Amino acid sequence: MSSTFKLNNTDSFGNGDAKSLCPNPVNGFSDSISLSEKAVQELLIQQSPMQATDDHLIEFSEALRTVAKALRGAAEGKALAQAEAAEWKRRYELERSKNVELQHKELSNGVCANESKNPRMEHIVKSPRLHAQENSSTNGMERICSHEVLQDGGFNSSNNKLKRKASFKLSWGCKGMANDQHKKEIVSFERGNISTAERSSKQISLTWESDPQTVLIITKPNSTSVRVLSVDMVRWLRAQKGLNIYVEPRVKAELLSESSSFNFVQTWEDDKEISLLHTKVDLLITLGGDGTVLWAASMFKGPVPPIVPFSMGSLGFMTPFHSEQYRECLEAILKGPISITLRHRLQCHIIRDKARHEYETEETMLVLNEVTIDRGISSYLTNLECYCDNSFVTCVQGDGLILSTTSGSTAYSLAAGGSMVHPQVPGILFTPICPHSLSFRPLILPEHVTVRVQVPFNSRSSAWVSFDGKDRKQLEAGDALVCSMAPWPVSTACQVESTNDFLRSIHDGLHWNLRKTQSADGPQDA
């Protein structure tokens, strides 16, 4: 997310700078906005020091400022709607002219007169071809167009006209960003009919096109058993597999304290070298629990190498492999193919409104489990305004809110009453923490939406936000947190396959639905 991104935190339109989006406002909006802003400025300038302390005047000035922002937002929204309508009309006319030209071209080549002799038309009838425009529009709209003539039953002998099904197209949004190409839906055609894609119903498999050369090993600190295993694993990977090995600076120091023969191990010195690790590392091995997997994923701000997580911690929802058989496991994984689970991540950033005029966007944070907004040490309930793609969702009054990935559905979200969701189901979990309402139930939102959580100006206290349980930051009145799905998922290797590993983890880790079997010698139906 660009650091220059702008977001209006006080109106529900969620648009940016009106001057950049709408250089020529219409219907008098510009005049009304300027008059409102001038009125606010004159009122603030004319206030004496005694008046500036008057709470009523302060509230009135805030109200005028809010009205000005609302008017500006209305002008922006109307201008954007008009521009979008004009763009869609232009694209529709262009697409229509292309289709007409294509049909005329086919008819002029004798398609209707020589259907049985034309192998191309026969191929179209048997298997209609699909045309996917990968880089089609400036607004990031991907589409599938059925430009070819779809025949439905040959000729009509009476009027010698070709029966065909209507040509159509399917378009879906990618939010207008070049790095959002992963957010595409896949559909298929069959004589002009639509069928759903098997998007998440099949197991994902990874096959090496070339042998892995470099591995990165991340270990849980302050663990004697992990330290012993890491020494043995590094020695085996180097001697038996001839791999290049990267470790953390702390681990390299531990290895060198064991023996100077570990000088072949590589590490890094600064954050710049960490940012380039994904270009060097083919495979990432973690020795620890789920927290070690979270830490390893947080090191990569972009693409993440496939992770092989070994269970040596207290939680094992994402660590299916056992350390006792690590050689057999790594032999199979390095040979391939392997089943993997694609775990989606959330990208989040905070927009500050310190001066209530100049907006500051902070560094983007990537989370694998959840981002949590809570009331901290305050005794007051949180007051959070929530928007989904600029549509108002609700106002959260309670202890806080959890925005979780499906991988994090078995973590804090589950403890707060959320559902357990298969990690390969794309979505964002919207789970309140102790809401002050009996009807406030958790939601599961689609992956393509953008969620904005804002602390209103009339909130009694500030809020606190944490990302995967760390990097805790304060949200003052007017600040907003924006979350959307990151384009770089985390792929973790499976012991069996994704669904089997998930079900085994909730059975073993949570003892899900375990109870004594009902006795068979009790009362029975006649």
Protein backbone atom coordinates (compact mmCIF):
# COMPACT_ATOMS: atom_id res chain seq x y z
CA MET A 1 0.00 0.00 0.00
CA SER A 2 1.49 3.28 -1.03
CA SER A 3 2.56 5.66 1.68
CA THR A 4 0.83 8.49 -0.18
CA PHE A 5 -2.57 6.83 0.08
CA LYS A 6 -5.22 9.23 1.38
CA LEU A 7 -8.40 8.38 3.15
CA ASN A 8 -11.12 10.58 4.57
CA ASN A 9 -11.70 9.40 8.13
CA THR A 10 -14.79 11.38 8.99
CA ASP A 11 -17.16 10.71 6.08
CA SER A 12 -18.60 7.46 4.82
CA PHE A 13 -17.63 8.05 1.23
CA GLY A 14 -14.04 6.96 1.72
CA ASN A 15 -12.71 9.04 -1.21
CA GLY A 16 -9.48 10.94 -1.57
CA ASP A 17 -8.68 14.51 -2.49
CA ALA A 18 -11.55 16.15 -4.27
CA LYS A 19 -9.28 18.39 -6.33
CA SER A 20 -7.38 15.47 -7.80
CA LEU A 21 -10.48 13.39 -8.52
CA CYS A 22 -12.89 16.09 -9.54
CA PRO A 23 -11.13 19.18 -10.95
CA ASN A 24 -14.45 20.77 -12.00
CA PRO A 25 -17.13 20.04 -9.38
CA VAL A 26 -20.70 20.37 -10.60
CA ASN A 27 -24.07 21.60 -9.33
CA GLY A 28 -22.59 24.17 -7.00
CA PHE A 29 -20.82 21.73 -4.72
CA SER A 30 -17.55 23.62 -5.08
CA ASP A 31 -19.13 26.90 -4.00
CA SER A 32 -20.86 25.33 -1.01
CA ILE A 33 -17.67 23.63 0.09
CA SER A 34 -15.57 26.77 -0.17
CA LEU A 35 -18.19 28.84 1.67
CA SER A 36 -18.38 26.26 4.47
CA GLU A 37 -14.62 26.08 4.82
CA LYS A 38 -14.33 29.89 4.80
CA ALA A 39 -16.98 30.11 7.47
CA VAL A 40 -15.10 27.66 9.64
CA GLN A 41 -11.80 29.52 9.17
CA GLU A 42 -13.33 32.93 9.89
CA LEU A 43 -15.03 31.60 12.98
CA LEU A 44 -11.79 30.12 14.31
CA ILE A 45 -9.79 33.30 13.51
CA GLN A 46 -12.31 35.66 15.07
CA GLN A 47 -12.51 33.72 18.34
CA SER A 48 -10.93 35.50 21.27
CA PRO A 49 -8.87 33.52 23.80
CA MET A 50 -11.90 33.51 26.07
CA GLN A 51 -14.13 32.19 23.32
CA ALA A 52 -11.65 29.50 22.32
CA THR A 53 -12.18 27.88 25.67
CA ASP A 54 -15.90 27.67 25.22
CA ASP A 55 -16.85 24.01 24.68
CA HIS A 56 -19.94 24.93 22.67
CA LEU A 57 -17.96 26.92 20.12
CA ILE A 58 -15.45 24.09 19.79
CA GLU A 59 -18.23 21.58 19.17
CA PHE A 60 -19.85 23.95 16.66
CA SER A 61 -16.58 24.41 14.75
CA GLU A 62 -16.14 20.65 14.66
CA ALA A 63 -19.65 20.27 13.29
CA LEU A 64 -18.97 22.84 10.56
CA ARG A 65 -15.76 21.05 9.63
CA THR A 66 -17.65 17.76 9.42
CA VAL A 67 -20.29 19.34 7.16
CA ALA A 68 -17.59 20.71 4.88
CA LYS A 69 -15.99 17.30 4.59
CA ALA A 70 -19.36 15.69 3.91
CA LEU A 71 -20.10 18.17 1.10
CA ARG A 72 -16.67 17.59 -0.37
CA GLY A 73 -17.23 13.84 -0.18
CA ALA A 74 -20.60 14.16 -1.95
CA ALA A 75 -18.99 16.10 -4.80
CA GLU A 76 -16.23 13.54 -5.08
CA GLY A 77 -18.70 10.65 -5.13
CA LYS A 78 -20.80 12.19 -7.85
CA ALA A 79 -17.77 13.01 -9.99
CA LEU A 80 -16.41 9.50 -9.60
CA ALA A 81 -19.77 7.96 -10.51
CA GLN A 82 -20.01 10.10 -13.65
CA ALA A 83 -16.48 9.25 -14.69
CA GLU A 84 -17.03 5.56 -14.09
CA ALA A 85 -20.29 5.58 -16.07
CA ALA A 86 -18.59 7.32 -19.00
CA GLU A 87 -15.73 4.82 -18.93
CA TRP A 88 -18.08 1.82 -18.91
CA LYS A 89 -20.10 3.30 -21.77
CA ARG A 90 -16.94 3.82 -23.81
CA ARG A 91 -15.76 0.27 -23.17
CA TYR A 92 -19.18 -1.15 -23.97
CA GLU A 93 -19.30 0.63 -27.31
CA LEU A 94 -15.75 -0.50 -28.12
CA GLU A 95 -16.53 -4.12 -27.23
CA ARG A 96 -19.75 -4.02 -29.22
CA SER A 97 -18.00 -2.70 -32.32
CA LYS A 98 -15.34 -5.42 -32.01
CA ASN A 99 -17.99 -8.14 -31.81
CA VAL A 100 -19.89 -6.77 -34.82
CA GLU A 101 -16.69 -6.53 -36.83
CA LEU A 102 -15.71 -10.07 -35.88
CA GLN A 103 -19.11 -11.48 -36.87
CA HIS A 104 -19.01 -9.67 -40.23
CA LYS A 105 -15.53 -11.03 -40.82
CA GLU A 106 -16.62 -14.60 -40.09
CA LEU A 107 -19.68 -14.30 -42.34
CA SER A 108 -17.63 -12.78 -45.15
CA ASN A 109 -15.26 -15.76 -45.05
CA GLY A 110 -18.14 -18.08 -45.91
CA VAL A 111 -18.82 -19.51 -42.47
CA CYS A 112 -22.56 -19.73 -42.96
CA ALA A 113 -22.32 -21.07 -46.49
CA ASN A 114 -19.72 -23.78 -45.87
CA GLU A 115 -20.18 -24.94 -42.32
CA SER A 116 -19.54 -28.62 -43.02
CA LYS A 117 -16.38 -27.84 -45.02
CA ASN A 118 -14.87 -25.36 -42.59
CA PRO A 119 -12.80 -27.17 -39.92
CA ARG A 120 -12.51 -24.02 -37.83
CA MET A 121 -16.27 -23.62 -37.49
CA GLU A 122 -16.61 -27.31 -36.70
CA HIS A 123 -14.04 -26.87 -33.91
CA ILE A 124 -15.94 -23.88 -32.56
CA VAL A 125 -19.19 -25.82 -32.47
CA LYS A 126 -17.60 -28.72 -30.61
CA SER A 127 -15.46 -26.70 -28.24
CA PRO A 128 -16.06 -22.93 -28.00
CA ARG A 129 -12.82 -21.07 -27.40
CA LEU A 130 -12.39 -18.62 -24.53
CA HIS A 131 -10.53 -15.36 -24.74
CA ALA A 132 -9.15 -14.03 -21.43
CA GLN A 133 -7.94 -10.46 -21.57
CA GLU A 134 -5.15 -10.36 -18.99
CA ASN A 135 -4.34 -6.68 -19.30
CA SER A 136 -7.63 -5.30 -20.50
CA SER A 137 -8.60 -2.14 -18.66
CA THR A 138 -7.17 0.83 -16.89
CA ASN A 139 -9.51 0.28 -13.95
CA GLY A 140 -8.15 -3.20 -13.24
CA MET A 141 -11.25 -5.03 -14.50
CA GLU A 142 -10.45 -8.54 -15.69
CA ARG A 143 -12.84 -10.19 -18.12
CA ILE A 144 -13.61 -13.25 -20.16
CA CYS A 145 -15.26 -12.60 -23.53
CA SER A 146 -16.97 -15.08 -25.82
CA HIS A 147 -16.08 -13.40 -29.11
CA GLU A 148 -16.56 -16.59 -31.08
CA VAL A 149 -19.93 -17.54 -32.50
CA LEU A 150 -21.51 -20.17 -30.24
CA GLN A 151 -23.68 -22.43 -32.36
CA ASP A 152 -26.66 -24.22 -30.84
CA GLY A 153 -27.92 -26.58 -33.48
CA GLY A 154 -26.84 -25.99 -37.06
CA PHE A 155 -28.79 -24.09 -39.73
CA ASN A 156 -32.40 -23.22 -40.16
CA SER A 157 -33.22 -24.60 -43.60
CA SER A 158 -36.09 -22.17 -44.15
CA ASN A 159 -34.19 -18.91 -43.84
CA ASN A 160 -30.59 -20.24 -44.00
CA LYS A 161 -29.64 -18.37 -40.83
CA LEU A 162 -27.19 -19.58 -38.20
CA LYS A 163 -28.65 -20.23 -34.76
CA ARG A 164 -26.38 -18.90 -32.09
CA LYS A 165 -26.46 -18.13 -28.40
CA ALA A 166 -25.94 -14.55 -27.35
CA SER A 167 -22.38 -13.36 -26.93
CA PHE A 168 -21.58 -12.16 -23.43
CA LYS A 169 -18.72 -11.30 -21.14
CA LEU A 170 -17.95 -11.67 -17.44
CA SER A 171 -16.04 -8.93 -15.65
CA TRP A 172 -14.76 -8.81 -12.12
CA GLY A 173 -12.88 -6.15 -10.18
CA CYS A 174 -9.25 -6.16 -9.15
CA LYS A 175 -9.53 -2.81 -7.30
CA GLY A 176 -7.58 -0.99 -9.98
CA MET A 177 -4.16 -2.02 -8.69
CA ALA A 178 -1.47 -3.78 -10.67
CA ASN A 179 -0.51 -6.02 -7.74
CA ASP A 180 -4.09 -7.23 -7.26
CA GLN A 181 -3.98 -9.67 -10.17
CA HIS A 182 -4.34 -12.53 -7.70
CA LYS A 183 -7.87 -11.44 -6.90
CA LYS A 184 -9.46 -13.05 -9.95
CA GLU A 185 -12.48 -15.31 -10.19
CA ILE A 186 -12.38 -18.14 -12.73
CA VAL A 187 -15.46 -19.24 -14.65
CA SER A 188 -15.94 -21.48 -17.66
CA PHE A 189 -18.16 -21.37 -20.74
CA GLU A 190 -20.03 -24.14 -22.50
CA ARG A 191 -22.21 -22.90 -25.35
CA GLY A 192 -22.82 -19.66 -23.53
CA ASN A 193 -23.63 -21.21 -20.14
CA ILE A 194 -21.75 -20.46 -16.94
CA SER A 195 -20.51 -23.04 -14.46
CA THR A 196 -18.71 -22.41 -11.20
CA ALA A 197 -15.00 -23.07 -10.90
CA GLU A 198 -13.45 -25.59 -8.54
CA ARG A 199 -11.47 -22.85 -6.92
CA SER A 200 -10.80 -24.17 -3.42
CA SER A 201 -12.15 -27.70 -3.63
CA LYS A 202 -8.95 -29.38 -4.79
CA GLN A 203 -5.71 -29.96 -2.96
CA ILE A 204 -2.81 -27.75 -4.10
CA SER A 205 0.39 -29.55 -5.05
CA LEU A 206 3.91 -28.13 -5.45
CA THR A 207 6.36 -29.73 -7.88
CA TRP A 208 9.99 -28.61 -8.11
CA GLU A 209 11.08 -27.68 -11.63
CA SER A 210 14.68 -27.65 -10.42
CA ASP A 211 16.28 -29.04 -7.28
CA PRO A 212 16.26 -26.74 -4.23
CA GLN A 213 19.69 -25.29 -3.50
CA THR A 214 19.21 -23.07 -0.44
CA VAL A 215 17.24 -23.50 2.79
CA LEU A 216 16.57 -21.11 5.67
CA ILE A 217 16.16 -22.56 9.17
CA ILE A 218 14.23 -20.55 11.80
CA THR A 219 14.28 -21.87 15.36
CA LYS A 220 12.48 -21.18 18.61
CA PRO A 221 14.88 -19.47 21.05
CA ASN A 222 15.80 -20.68 24.57
CA SER A 223 15.03 -24.33 23.86
CA THR A 224 17.66 -27.01 24.44
CA SER A 225 15.85 -29.64 22.36
CA VAL A 226 15.50 -27.24 19.42
CA ARG A 227 19.17 -26.31 19.64
CA VAL A 228 20.26 -29.96 19.59
CA LEU A 229 18.02 -30.73 16.61
CA SER A 230 19.19 -27.68 14.65
CA VAL A 231 22.84 -28.76 15.01
CA ASP A 232 22.05 -32.26 13.71
CA MET A 233 19.79 -30.97 10.90
CA VAL A 234 22.30 -28.39 9.63
CA ARG A 235 25.07 -31.00 9.56
CA TRP A 236 22.87 -33.53 7.70
CA LEU A 237 21.55 -31.04 5.13
CA ARG A 238 25.08 -29.91 4.32
CA ALA A 239 26.78 -33.33 4.26
CA GLN A 240 24.05 -35.46 2.68
CA LYS A 241 22.20 -32.95 0.48
CA GLY A 242 24.89 -30.35 -0.26
CA LEU A 243 22.52 -27.43 0.40
CA ASN A 244 23.37 -23.82 1.18
CA ILE A 245 22.04 -22.99 4.63
CA TYR A 246 20.91 -19.67 6.09
CA VAL A 247 20.15 -19.20 9.79
CA GLU A 248 19.49 -16.27 12.10
CA PRO A 249 22.54 -14.44 13.51
CA ARG A 250 21.73 -15.84 16.97
CA VAL A 251 21.65 -19.41 15.64
CA LYS A 252 24.92 -18.98 13.76
CA ALA A 253 26.62 -17.89 16.97
CA GLU A 254 25.23 -20.96 18.73
CA LEU A 255 26.46 -23.26 15.96
CA LEU A 256 29.95 -21.76 15.97
CA SER A 257 30.09 -22.20 19.73
CA GLU A 258 29.47 -25.91 19.15
CA SER A 259 32.14 -26.29 16.46
CA SER A 260 34.13 -24.11 14.09
CA SER A 261 33.19 -26.51 11.26
CA PHE A 262 29.86 -24.67 10.95
CA ASN A 263 31.53 -21.67 9.32
CA PHE A 264 29.75 -22.57 6.05
CA VAL A 265 26.44 -21.39 7.53
CA GLN A 266 25.29 -18.02 6.17
CA THR A 267 23.25 -15.27 7.85
CA TRP A 268 22.39 -11.58 7.42
CA GLU A 269 23.39 -8.32 9.04
CA ASP A 270 20.62 -5.80 8.43
CA ASP A 271 17.01 -5.43 7.28
CA LYS A 272 18.06 -4.79 3.69
CA GLU A 273 19.55 -8.27 3.44
CA ILE A 274 16.40 -9.74 5.01
CA SER A 275 14.28 -8.09 2.30
CA LEU A 276 16.31 -9.97 -0.34
CA LEU A 277 16.08 -13.40 1.28
CA HIS A 278 13.13 -14.49 -0.87
CA THR A 279 15.35 -14.19 -3.96
CA LYS A 280 17.88 -16.65 -2.49
CA VAL A 281 15.94 -19.10 -0.32
CA ASP A 282 14.12 -22.06 -1.91
CA LEU A 283 12.74 -23.63 1.26
CA LEU A 284 12.08 -22.41 4.80
CA ILE A 285 12.24 -24.82 7.76
CA THR A 286 10.84 -23.86 11.18
CA LEU A 287 11.63 -25.66 14.45
CA GLY A 288 9.07 -24.67 17.07
CA GLY A 289 5.34 -24.06 17.37
CA ASP A 290 2.84 -21.85 15.59
CA GLY A 291 4.57 -18.77 17.00
CA THR A 292 7.76 -19.71 15.17
CA VAL A 293 5.79 -19.98 11.90
CA LEU A 294 4.29 -16.53 12.53
CA TRP A 295 7.74 -15.09 13.21
CA ALA A 296 9.20 -16.68 10.07
CA ALA A 297 6.35 -15.35 7.91
CA SER A 298 6.72 -11.84 9.36
CA MET A 299 10.32 -11.67 8.11
CA PHE A 300 9.07 -11.62 4.51
CA LYS A 301 7.23 -8.46 3.44
CA GLY A 302 6.61 -9.88 -0.03
CA PRO A 303 6.75 -13.42 -1.45
CA VAL A 304 7.37 -16.19 1.09
CA PRO A 305 9.24 -19.43 0.28
CA PRO A 306 7.40 -22.70 1.03
CA ILE A 307 7.56 -23.47 4.76
CA VAL A 308 8.17 -26.90 6.30
CA PRO A 309 7.04 -26.52 9.94
CA PHE A 310 8.22 -29.06 12.53
CA SER A 311 6.23 -29.31 15.74
CA MET A 312 8.43 -28.50 18.74
CA GLY A 313 6.18 -26.10 20.61
CA SER A 314 2.97 -25.96 22.61
CA LEU A 315 0.58 -25.30 19.69
CA GLY A 316 0.51 -27.24 16.45
CA PHE A 317 -2.28 -25.99 14.18
CA MET A 318 0.27 -25.10 11.49
CA THR A 319 3.06 -27.57 12.37
CA PRO A 320 2.10 -31.07 11.15
CA PHE A 321 5.61 -32.59 10.95
CA HIS A 322 7.30 -34.43 13.83
CA SER A 323 10.96 -33.81 14.51
CA GLU A 324 11.75 -37.48 15.14
CA GLN A 325 11.33 -38.32 11.45
CA TYR A 326 12.79 -35.10 10.04
CA ARG A 327 15.15 -36.88 7.63
CA GLU A 328 12.40 -38.90 5.97
CA CYS A 329 10.18 -35.82 5.78
CA LEU A 330 12.85 -33.61 4.22
CA GLU A 331 13.85 -36.38 1.79
CA ALA A 332 10.28 -36.51 0.45
CA ILE A 333 9.88 -32.72 0.39
CA LEU A 334 13.15 -32.04 -1.43
CA LYS A 335 12.20 -34.69 -4.00
CA GLY A 336 8.59 -33.54 -4.44
CA PRO A 337 5.82 -33.20 -5.32
CA ILE A 338 4.35 -32.04 -2.00
CA SER A 339 0.89 -30.99 -0.88
CA ILE A 340 0.71 -27.44 0.45
CA THR A 341 -1.77 -25.18 2.20
CA LEU A 342 -1.97 -21.59 0.93
CA ARG A 343 -2.54 -19.44 3.99
CA HIS A 344 -3.73 -15.93 3.22
CA ARG A 345 -2.33 -12.87 4.99
CA LEU A 346 -3.82 -9.48 5.79
CA GLN A 347 -2.02 -6.26 4.92
CA CYS A 348 -2.82 -3.45 7.34
CA HIS A 349 -1.78 0.14 7.78
CA ILE A 350 -2.74 2.99 10.09
CA ILE A 351 -3.85 6.40 8.84
CA ARG A 352 -3.23 9.16 11.36
CA ASP A 353 -5.35 12.28 11.65
CA LYS A 354 -3.27 14.24 14.12
CA ALA A 355 -3.93 17.67 12.60
CA ARG A 356 -7.34 16.62 11.23
CA HIS A 357 -6.24 18.02 7.88
CA GLU A 358 -2.97 16.30 6.95
CA TYR A 359 -3.15 12.52 6.84
CA GLU A 360 -0.17 10.31 7.63
CA THR A 361 0.01 6.73 6.44
CA GLU A 362 2.28 4.42 8.42
CA GLU A 363 4.21 1.34 7.34
CA THR A 364 2.21 -1.61 6.01
CA MET A 365 1.99 -4.58 8.38
CA LEU A 366 1.42 -8.18 7.24
CA VAL A 367 -0.36 -10.59 9.59
CA LEU A 368 -0.93 -14.31 9.25
CA ASN A 369 -3.31 -14.78 12.18
CA GLU A 370 -5.18 -11.63 13.15
CA VAL A 371 -5.12 -7.92 13.84
CA THR A 372 -6.75 -6.97 17.15
CA ILE A 373 -8.21 -3.61 18.18
CA ASP A 374 -8.95 -3.38 21.91
CA ARG A 375 -9.51 -0.79 24.64
CA GLY A 376 -6.17 -1.37 26.35
CA ILE A 377 -6.03 -0.20 29.97
CA SER A 378 -9.02 2.11 29.59
CA SER A 379 -12.13 1.33 31.63
CA TYR A 380 -14.41 2.64 28.88
CA LEU A 381 -15.89 0.51 26.10
CA THR A 382 -14.31 0.84 22.70
CA ASN A 383 -16.18 2.91 20.15
CA LEU A 384 -15.16 1.77 16.66
CA GLU A 385 -16.83 2.70 13.38
CA CYS A 386 -16.42 -0.10 10.82
CA TYR A 387 -16.72 0.20 7.03
CA CYS A 388 -16.50 -2.47 4.34
CA ASP A 389 -15.59 -1.06 0.92
CA ASN A 390 -16.90 2.34 2.12
CA SER A 391 -20.24 0.82 3.18
CA PHE A 392 -21.00 1.30 6.86
CA VAL A 393 -21.04 -2.04 8.71
CA THR A 394 -21.60 -1.26 12.37
CA CYS A 395 -20.31 0.57 15.43
CA VAL A 396 -18.45 -1.75 17.80
CA GLN A 397 -19.05 -1.03 21.47
CA GLY A 398 -17.35 -3.58 23.68
CA ASP A 399 -13.85 -4.74 24.50
CA GLY A 400 -12.69 -4.60 20.89
CA LEU A 401 -12.67 -6.23 17.45
CA ILE A 402 -10.69 -9.00 15.75
CA LEU A 403 -10.01 -9.06 12.00
CA SER A 404 -8.69 -12.54 11.34
CA THR A 405 -7.58 -14.69 8.45
CA THR A 406 -8.98 -18.18 8.12
CA SER A 407 -5.63 -19.54 9.33
CA GLY A 408 -6.15 -17.48 12.49
CA SER A 409 -9.72 -18.72 12.95
CA THR A 410 -8.49 -21.26 15.54
CA ALA A 411 -6.64 -18.59 17.54
CA TYR A 412 -7.99 -15.44 19.25
CA SER A 413 -11.07 -15.31 17.00
CA LEU A 414 -12.16 -18.75 18.18
CA ALA A 415 -11.75 -17.74 21.83
CA ALA A 416 -13.98 -14.70 21.16
CA GLY A 417 -16.76 -16.83 19.65
CA GLY A 418 -15.78 -16.96 15.99
CA SER A 419 -16.09 -19.98 13.71
CA MET A 420 -13.33 -22.42 12.81
CA VAL A 421 -12.70 -22.09 9.07
CA HIS A 422 -10.57 -24.20 6.75
CA PRO A 423 -7.37 -22.20 6.06
CA GLN A 424 -7.76 -22.38 2.27
CA VAL A 425 -11.20 -20.74 2.36
CA PRO A 426 -10.57 -17.14 1.24
CA GLY A 427 -12.15 -14.64 3.59
CA ILE A 428 -11.78 -12.17 6.46
CA LEU A 429 -13.30 -13.00 9.85
CA PHE A 430 -15.01 -10.09 11.60
CA THR A 431 -15.27 -11.07 15.28
CA PRO A 432 -16.26 -8.70 18.13
CA ILE A 433 -14.66 -9.07 21.57
CA CYS A 434 -17.28 -9.09 24.35
CA PRO A 435 -19.76 -6.83 22.50
CA HIS A 436 -22.29 -4.88 24.55
CA SER A 437 -25.12 -6.31 22.46
CA LEU A 438 -26.77 -9.72 22.45
CA SER A 439 -27.41 -9.60 18.69
CA PHE A 440 -23.82 -8.82 17.64
CA ARG A 441 -22.64 -12.06 16.01
CA PRO A 442 -19.40 -12.65 14.06
CA LEU A 443 -19.23 -12.20 10.28
CA ILE A 444 -17.16 -13.79 7.52
CA LEU A 445 -16.43 -11.30 4.73
CA PRO A 446 -15.15 -12.10 1.22
CA GLU A 447 -11.46 -11.80 0.51
CA HIS A 448 -11.65 -8.94 -1.98
CA VAL A 449 -13.10 -6.33 0.38
CA THR A 450 -11.24 -3.60 2.24
CA VAL A 451 -12.17 -3.13 5.90
CA ARG A 452 -11.69 0.25 7.61
CA VAL A 453 -11.96 0.61 11.38
CA GLN A 454 -12.00 4.19 12.67
CA VAL A 455 -11.96 5.71 16.14
CA PRO A 456 -14.58 8.50 15.98
CA PHE A 457 -13.89 11.96 17.37
CA ASN A 458 -16.55 11.55 20.05
CA SER A 459 -14.95 8.39 21.47
CA ARG A 460 -14.40 8.51 25.23
CA SER A 461 -10.95 6.95 24.94
CA SER A 462 -8.37 5.82 22.44
CA ALA A 463 -7.89 2.22 21.23
CA TRP A 464 -4.92 -0.05 20.79
CA VAL A 465 -4.07 -2.27 17.83
CA SER A 466 -1.68 -5.24 17.67
CA PHE A 467 -0.58 -7.34 14.69
CA ASP A 468 -0.24 -11.07 15.37
CA GLY A 469 0.15 -10.20 19.04
CA LYS A 470 3.04 -7.74 18.62
CA ASP A 471 3.90 -4.24 17.37
CA ARG A 472 1.22 -2.71 19.60
CA LYS A 473 0.22 0.82 18.59
CA GLN A 474 -2.26 3.39 19.85
CA LEU A 475 -5.19 4.70 17.81
CA GLU A 476 -6.28 8.20 18.79
CA ALA A 477 -9.58 9.82 17.87
CA GLY A 478 -9.73 10.26 14.12
CA ASP A 479 -7.19 7.53 13.37
CA ALA A 480 -8.18 4.62 11.15
CA LEU A 481 -6.94 1.10 10.50
CA VAL A 482 -7.31 -0.22 6.93
CA CYS A 483 -7.07 -3.97 6.22
CA SER A 484 -7.27 -5.97 3.00
CA MET A 485 -6.02 -9.31 1.72
CA ALA A 486 -2.30 -9.34 0.91
CA PRO A 487 -1.23 -10.61 -2.53
CA TRP A 488 1.47 -12.88 -1.04
CA PRO A 489 0.13 -15.95 0.81
CA VAL A 490 2.18 -18.23 3.02
CA SER A 491 2.48 -21.77 1.68
CA THR A 492 3.02 -24.47 4.31
CA ALA A 493 3.80 -28.09 3.49
CA CYS A 494 1.24 -30.74 4.47
CA GLN A 495 1.98 -34.07 6.05
CA VAL A 496 -0.96 -35.74 4.26
CA GLU A 497 -3.11 -33.07 2.62
CA SER A 498 -4.68 -29.78 3.66
CA THR A 499 -8.06 -30.97 4.93
CA ASN A 500 -6.63 -34.00 6.73
CA ASP A 501 -4.04 -31.84 8.49
CA PHE A 502 -6.65 -29.25 9.49
CA LEU A 503 -9.06 -31.78 10.97
CA ARG A 504 -6.27 -33.57 12.81
CA SER A 505 -5.04 -30.28 14.27
CA ILE A 506 -8.41 -29.33 15.76
CA HIS A 507 -8.89 -32.85 17.11
CA ASP A 508 -5.43 -33.03 18.68
CA GLY A 509 -5.01 -29.37 19.63
CA LEU A 510 -8.53 -28.53 20.80
CA HIS A 511 -9.96 -31.99 21.53
CA TRP A 512 -12.86 -30.89 19.34
CA ASN A 513 -16.17 -32.66 20.10
CA LEU A 514 -14.60 -35.38 22.19
CA ARG A 515 -16.99 -37.04 24.63
CA LYS A 516 -17.88 -40.47 25.88
CA THR A 517 -19.89 -42.58 23.46
CA GLN A 518 -23.51 -43.04 24.45
CA SER A 519 -24.17 -46.43 25.98
CA ALA A 520 -26.03 -48.90 23.75
CA ASP A 521 -27.79 -50.74 26.59
CA GLY A 522 -30.08 -47.86 27.57
CA PRO A 523 -33.65 -47.06 26.51
CA GLN A 524 -34.39 -47.64 22.83
CA ASP A 525 -37.26 -46.90 20.46
CA ALA A 526 -39.71 -49.74 20.05
